[in-house]
Protein backbone atom coordinates (compact mmCIF):
# COMPACT_ATOMS: atom_id res chain seq x y z
CA UNK A 1 121.05 -23.93 13.65
CA UNK A 2 123.57 -26.17 15.08
CA UNK A 3 121.71 -29.56 16.05
CA UNK A 4 123.34 -31.69 18.63
CA UNK A 5 125.75 -34.75 17.70
CA UNK A 6 124.40 -37.67 19.23
CA UNK A 7 125.82 -40.77 19.89
CA UNK A 8 123.26 -43.53 19.89
CA UNK A 9 122.21 -46.82 20.05
CA UNK A 10 120.34 -48.51 17.07
CA UNK A 11 116.24 -48.52 16.91
CA UNK A 12 115.47 -52.58 17.33
CA UNK A 13 114.45 -52.06 13.34
CA UNK A 14 118.30 -51.29 12.14
CA UNK A 15 119.37 -54.12 14.43
CA UNK A 16 116.51 -56.93 13.53
CA UNK A 17 113.49 -55.88 12.40
CA UNK A 18 111.47 -56.27 15.14
CA UNK A 19 109.70 -52.78 16.26
CA UNK A 20 108.11 -53.22 12.50
CA UNK A 21 105.77 -56.10 14.45
CA UNK A 22 105.11 -52.67 16.59
CA UNK A 23 103.92 -50.21 14.27
CA UNK A 24 102.27 -52.39 12.04
CA UNK A 25 100.28 -53.70 15.33
CA UNK A 26 99.58 -50.36 16.27
CA UNK A 27 97.96 -49.40 12.92
CA UNK A 28 95.57 -52.08 13.52
CA UNK A 29 94.98 -50.78 17.04
CA UNK A 30 93.64 -47.04 15.76
CA UNK A 31 91.99 -48.76 13.57
CA UNK A 32 90.07 -50.92 15.82
CA UNK A 33 89.71 -47.69 18.62
CA UNK A 34 88.69 -45.53 16.22
CA UNK A 35 85.93 -48.16 14.85
CA UNK A 36 84.97 -48.70 17.97
CA UNK A 37 84.28 -44.53 18.29
CA UNK A 38 86.82 -44.30 21.78
CA UNK A 39 89.17 -41.42 22.00
CA UNK A 40 92.28 -42.41 23.30
CA UNK A 41 91.88 -41.27 26.51
CA UNK A 42 88.27 -43.24 26.65
CA UNK A 43 90.27 -46.00 25.33
CA UNK A 44 92.65 -46.00 27.88
CA UNK A 45 90.57 -45.50 30.58
CA UNK A 46 89.02 -48.65 29.81
CA UNK A 47 92.36 -50.85 29.52
CA UNK A 48 94.17 -49.28 32.70
CA UNK A 49 96.34 -46.99 30.42
CA UNK A 50 97.12 -43.33 30.17
CA UNK A 51 96.80 -41.48 26.58
CA UNK A 52 100.13 -41.05 26.40
CA UNK A 53 100.53 -44.75 26.59
CA UNK A 54 97.80 -45.88 24.24
CA UNK A 55 99.49 -42.79 21.39
CA UNK A 56 102.99 -44.44 21.84
CA UNK A 57 101.18 -48.19 20.90
CA UNK A 58 99.54 -46.74 18.27
CA UNK A 59 102.81 -45.12 16.45
CA UNK A 60 105.18 -48.41 17.48
CA UNK A 61 107.21 -46.73 20.07
CA UNK A 62 105.50 -48.22 23.05
CA UNK A 63 105.47 -52.82 23.37
CA UNK A 64 101.52 -53.66 23.95
CA UNK A 65 102.16 -56.21 26.69
CA UNK A 66 100.00 -59.60 26.49
CA UNK A 67 97.25 -59.04 28.84
CA UNK A 68 96.57 -55.63 27.12
CA UNK A 69 96.00 -57.08 23.93
CA UNK A 70 94.18 -59.66 25.62
CA UNK A 71 91.80 -56.96 27.15
CA UNK A 72 92.00 -54.94 24.54
CA UNK A 73 90.51 -57.44 21.78
CA UNK A 74 87.61 -57.56 24.28
CA UNK A 75 86.83 -54.50 24.86
CA UNK A 76 87.33 -53.27 21.02
CA UNK A 77 85.31 -56.37 19.79
CA UNK A 78 88.27 -57.46 17.65
CA UNK A 79 87.30 -60.65 17.41
CA UNK A 80 90.81 -62.48 18.24
CA UNK A 81 93.04 -60.51 15.97
CA UNK A 82 95.15 -58.86 18.45
CA UNK A 83 95.05 -62.34 20.93
CA UNK A 84 96.22 -64.06 17.56
CA UNK A 85 99.20 -62.33 17.18
CA UNK A 86 100.51 -62.18 21.10
CA UNK A 87 103.17 -65.03 19.98
CA UNK A 88 104.79 -63.39 17.47
CA UNK A 89 104.67 -59.79 20.06
CA UNK A 90 106.47 -61.65 22.58
CA UNK A 91 108.85 -63.39 20.33
CA UNK A 92 109.50 -59.55 18.78
CA UNK A 93 110.22 -58.13 22.91
CA UNK A 94 112.50 -60.80 22.96
CA UNK A 95 114.40 -59.62 20.44
CA UNK A 96 114.35 -55.85 20.77
CA UNK A 97 117.16 -54.10 22.14
CA UNK A 98 116.95 -51.09 24.08
CA UNK A 99 117.23 -47.60 22.42
CA UNK A 100 119.02 -45.43 24.31
CA UNK A 101 122.62 -43.70 23.28
CA UNK A 102 125.80 -45.75 24.07
CA UNK A 103 127.00 -44.12 26.68
CA UNK A 104 123.60 -44.86 28.61
CA UNK A 105 122.99 -48.67 27.11
CA UNK A 106 124.71 -49.59 30.79
CA UNK A 107 122.59 -47.66 33.12
CA UNK A 108 119.31 -48.35 30.87
CA UNK A 109 119.65 -52.59 30.97
CA UNK A 110 119.77 -52.33 34.05
CA UNK A 111 117.21 -49.98 35.12
CA UNK A 112 115.29 -52.36 32.78
CA UNK A 113 115.30 -55.19 35.50
CA UNK A 114 115.97 -53.74 38.42
CA UNK A 115 114.17 -54.72 41.84
CA UNK A 116 114.22 -51.23 43.15
CA UNK A 117 114.88 -47.62 41.93
CA UNK A 118 114.69 -44.35 44.08
CA UNK A 119 115.21 -41.06 42.39
CA UNK A 120 116.05 -37.88 43.37
CA UNK A 121 114.88 -35.11 41.32
CA UNK A 122 116.00 -31.01 42.25
CA UNK A 123 114.94 -29.20 39.14
CA UNK A 124 113.09 -31.48 36.40
CA UNK A 125 110.86 -33.93 36.64
CA UNK A 126 112.61 -37.42 36.27
CA UNK A 127 112.13 -39.24 32.50
CA UNK A 128 110.13 -42.32 34.22
CA UNK A 129 107.87 -39.89 35.37
CA UNK A 130 107.54 -37.28 32.05
CA UNK A 131 104.27 -37.63 29.53
CA UNK A 132 104.70 -37.38 26.10
CA UNK A 133 103.85 -33.98 26.17
CA UNK A 134 106.32 -33.06 28.92
CA UNK A 135 108.87 -34.60 27.24
CA UNK A 136 108.49 -33.39 24.10
CA UNK A 137 108.49 -29.57 25.47
CA UNK A 138 111.84 -30.53 27.46
CA UNK A 139 113.82 -31.48 24.08
CA UNK A 140 112.37 -28.60 21.94
CA UNK A 141 113.77 -26.63 24.20
CA UNK A 142 116.78 -28.26 24.05
CA UNK A 143 120.48 -26.33 22.69
CA UNK A 144 121.87 -26.72 21.01
CA UNK A 145 118.79 -27.50 18.75
CA UNK A 146 117.08 -30.86 17.65
CA UNK A 147 115.92 -31.80 14.60
CA UNK A 148 112.12 -33.45 14.65
CA UNK A 149 113.41 -36.49 13.65
CA UNK A 150 115.89 -36.70 16.50
CA UNK A 151 113.27 -35.14 19.58
CA UNK A 152 110.92 -37.91 18.15
CA UNK A 153 112.91 -40.50 18.83
CA UNK A 154 114.04 -38.83 22.07
CA UNK A 155 110.29 -39.10 23.26
CA UNK A 156 110.20 -42.43 21.84
CA UNK A 157 113.17 -43.60 24.06
CA UNK A 158 111.79 -42.02 27.03
CA UNK A 159 107.98 -43.40 26.70
CA UNK A 160 109.37 -47.03 26.45
CA UNK A 161 111.79 -46.94 29.59
CA UNK A 162 108.49 -46.37 31.06
CA UNK A 163 107.46 -49.74 30.63
CA UNK A 164 109.57 -50.48 34.08
CA UNK A 165 106.03 -49.85 35.53
CA UNK A 166 104.47 -52.79 34.20
CA UNK A 167 106.75 -55.15 34.71
CA UNK A 168 106.39 -58.68 37.16
CA UNK A 169 107.32 -58.57 39.47
CA UNK A 170 107.22 -54.87 39.78
CA UNK A 171 110.13 -53.32 40.96
CA UNK A 172 110.00 -50.93 44.18
CA UNK A 173 109.61 -47.78 43.69
CA UNK A 174 110.45 -44.09 45.32
CA UNK A 175 110.80 -40.43 44.03
CA UNK A 176 112.02 -37.15 46.23
CA UNK A 177 110.82 -34.60 44.08
CA UNK A 178 112.16 -31.10 45.15
CA UNK A 179 108.82 -28.62 45.26
CA UNK A 180 109.97 -26.15 42.55
CA UNK A 181 109.41 -29.23 40.10
CA UNK A 182 105.81 -29.08 40.72
CA UNK A 183 105.93 -25.35 40.18
CA UNK A 184 107.51 -25.00 36.87
CA UNK A 185 104.75 -24.87 33.97
CA UNK A 186 106.96 -26.42 31.31
CA UNK A 187 105.14 -26.49 28.28
CA UNK A 188 102.43 -24.44 29.09
CA UNK A 189 99.85 -24.43 31.58
CA UNK A 190 97.90 -27.18 30.14
CA UNK A 191 100.76 -29.46 29.72
CA UNK A 192 101.81 -28.79 33.33
CA UNK A 193 98.36 -30.01 34.26
CA UNK A 194 98.62 -33.33 32.31
CA UNK A 195 102.05 -33.70 34.25
CA UNK A 196 100.51 -33.39 37.61
CA UNK A 197 97.76 -35.63 36.90
CA UNK A 198 100.06 -37.79 35.45
CA UNK A 199 102.29 -38.04 38.84
CA UNK A 200 99.12 -38.47 40.84
CA UNK A 201 98.08 -41.23 38.74
CA UNK A 202 101.79 -43.10 38.90
CA UNK A 203 102.21 -42.06 42.72
CA UNK A 204 98.34 -44.43 42.78
CA UNK A 205 100.16 -47.55 41.56
CA UNK A 206 100.81 -49.94 44.91
CA UNK A 207 104.79 -49.96 44.25
CA UNK A 208 105.36 -46.40 43.82
CA UNK A 209 105.79 -43.39 46.44
CA UNK A 210 106.37 -39.69 45.87
CA UNK A 211 107.45 -37.66 48.08
CA UNK A 212 107.48 -33.72 47.63
CA UNK A 213 110.88 -31.48 49.63
CA UNK A 214 108.89 -28.54 50.62
CA UNK A 215 110.88 -25.24 49.56
CA UNK A 216 109.85 -23.94 52.90
CA UNK A 217 112.51 -26.17 54.36
CA UNK A 218 115.97 -24.46 56.12
CA UNK A 219 118.33 -27.52 55.82
CA UNK A 220 118.95 -29.70 53.35
CA UNK A 221 121.48 -32.41 53.03
CA UNK A 222 121.87 -33.02 49.15
CA UNK A 223 122.89 -30.34 47.66
CA UNK A 224 124.60 -31.63 44.52
CA UNK A 225 121.84 -32.22 42.46
CA UNK A 226 119.95 -34.87 41.14
CA UNK A 227 120.74 -39.06 40.86
CA UNK A 228 119.44 -42.32 40.68
CA UNK A 229 119.59 -45.01 42.75
CA UNK A 230 119.03 -48.47 41.97
CA UNK A 231 119.43 -52.32 43.03
CA UNK A 232 120.19 -54.27 39.45
CA UNK A 233 118.96 -57.98 39.88
CA UNK A 234 121.23 -59.65 41.63
CA UNK A 235 123.82 -57.27 41.78
CA UNK A 236 124.93 -54.31 44.64
CA UNK A 237 123.18 -51.23 44.33
CA UNK A 238 124.92 -48.45 42.08
CA UNK A 239 123.92 -44.81 41.62
CA UNK A 240 123.73 -42.62 38.51
CA UNK A 241 124.17 -38.96 37.68
CA UNK A 242 124.04 -36.50 34.76
CA UNK A 243 125.37 -33.28 34.55
CA UNK A 244 125.72 -31.13 31.72
CA UNK A 245 125.14 -34.13 29.59
CA UNK A 246 128.11 -35.98 31.20
CA UNK A 247 127.14 -39.57 32.76
CA UNK A 248 128.29 -41.43 35.31
CA UNK A 249 127.57 -44.85 36.97
CA UNK A 250 128.30 -44.94 40.45
CA UNK A 251 129.82 -48.70 41.88
CA UNK A 252 131.72 -48.59 44.19
CA UNK A 253 130.18 -49.41 47.46
CA UNK A 254 131.06 -46.17 49.77
CA UNK A 255 130.12 -43.60 47.09
CA UNK A 256 127.20 -45.74 46.60
CA UNK A 257 126.63 -45.68 50.49
CA UNK A 258 126.61 -41.88 51.08
CA UNK A 259 124.09 -41.20 48.25
CA UNK A 260 122.35 -43.89 49.15
CA UNK A 261 122.42 -42.12 53.24
CA UNK A 262 121.35 -38.91 51.77
CA UNK A 263 118.09 -39.83 50.32
CA UNK A 264 117.89 -41.26 53.18
CA UNK A 265 117.75 -38.37 55.46
CA UNK A 266 115.64 -36.49 52.48
CA UNK A 267 113.04 -39.23 52.73
CA UNK A 268 112.55 -38.53 56.23
CA UNK A 269 112.16 -34.72 55.97
CA UNK A 270 110.27 -34.84 52.91
CA UNK A 271 106.45 -34.78 53.02
CA UNK A 272 104.79 -38.13 53.54
CA UNK A 273 103.04 -39.77 50.17
CA UNK A 274 99.20 -39.14 51.26
CA UNK A 275 100.82 -35.14 51.85
CA UNK A 276 102.31 -34.77 49.04
CA UNK A 277 99.82 -36.01 47.19
CA UNK A 278 97.77 -33.65 48.48
CA UNK A 279 100.10 -30.85 47.94
CA UNK A 280 99.68 -31.74 44.03
CA UNK A 281 96.18 -31.77 43.54
CA UNK A 282 96.08 -28.51 45.04
CA UNK A 283 98.66 -26.88 42.78
CA UNK A 284 96.53 -28.65 39.89
CA UNK A 285 93.52 -26.71 41.03
CA UNK A 286 95.29 -23.10 41.21
CA UNK A 287 96.04 -23.83 37.56
């Protein structure tokens, strides 16, 4: 089977070894959690994280934030072990580089510190919203086929981007999802149920609004596919699209204005965040 040639940026480990700190810390975290007799889900509930996020931190592919380490130290009775490494973690975070393909770096860098992020998803769950299991199922069915190593790298990169939700100050984030996105059971019903629960979890964040565009809507202002809109810190709004692996970062003011106008119309036509949450809950109940 042919494998897709990947134009990929170096990982932090390849650049400066910073990821080694996260891998070692992840192993310690897992040992302490298991010693406390807690599952990833149970521990996650205590610290305010999902099991996917805990798993990613234990594998060293997600950076544990200082406030998380302080709370985890107390819950796991670590005796200061986790608190003690916070300075080293902060230093490693400062040295770590974004792990994405070269062609994606400019957008990923803007996404990481954007003050506003807005997404329209026409047929798939947007990357920042995907669970680990959902992301793995997506890459497993990718054509040409990807190797196990490449899939794990892609999943890790996708999960690492989700730290944008934990930033302070938090960015303003909104989504318009076509209803079909909620209906396609990527990875099977169990994985899909976990993805719907994750949408409800992320949608409950104070700075995030998720709206669903019902399939029954007879008119639609945008039939040109998915896109992202974002306001980079200190810069004008830009748009990003990707079709069949061909990315496009749109900076022309007039083009961006037209896309933003369509997005505004879609938000007005879609279900409200409260109505959307009820719809997601209803779909989850039927699985």
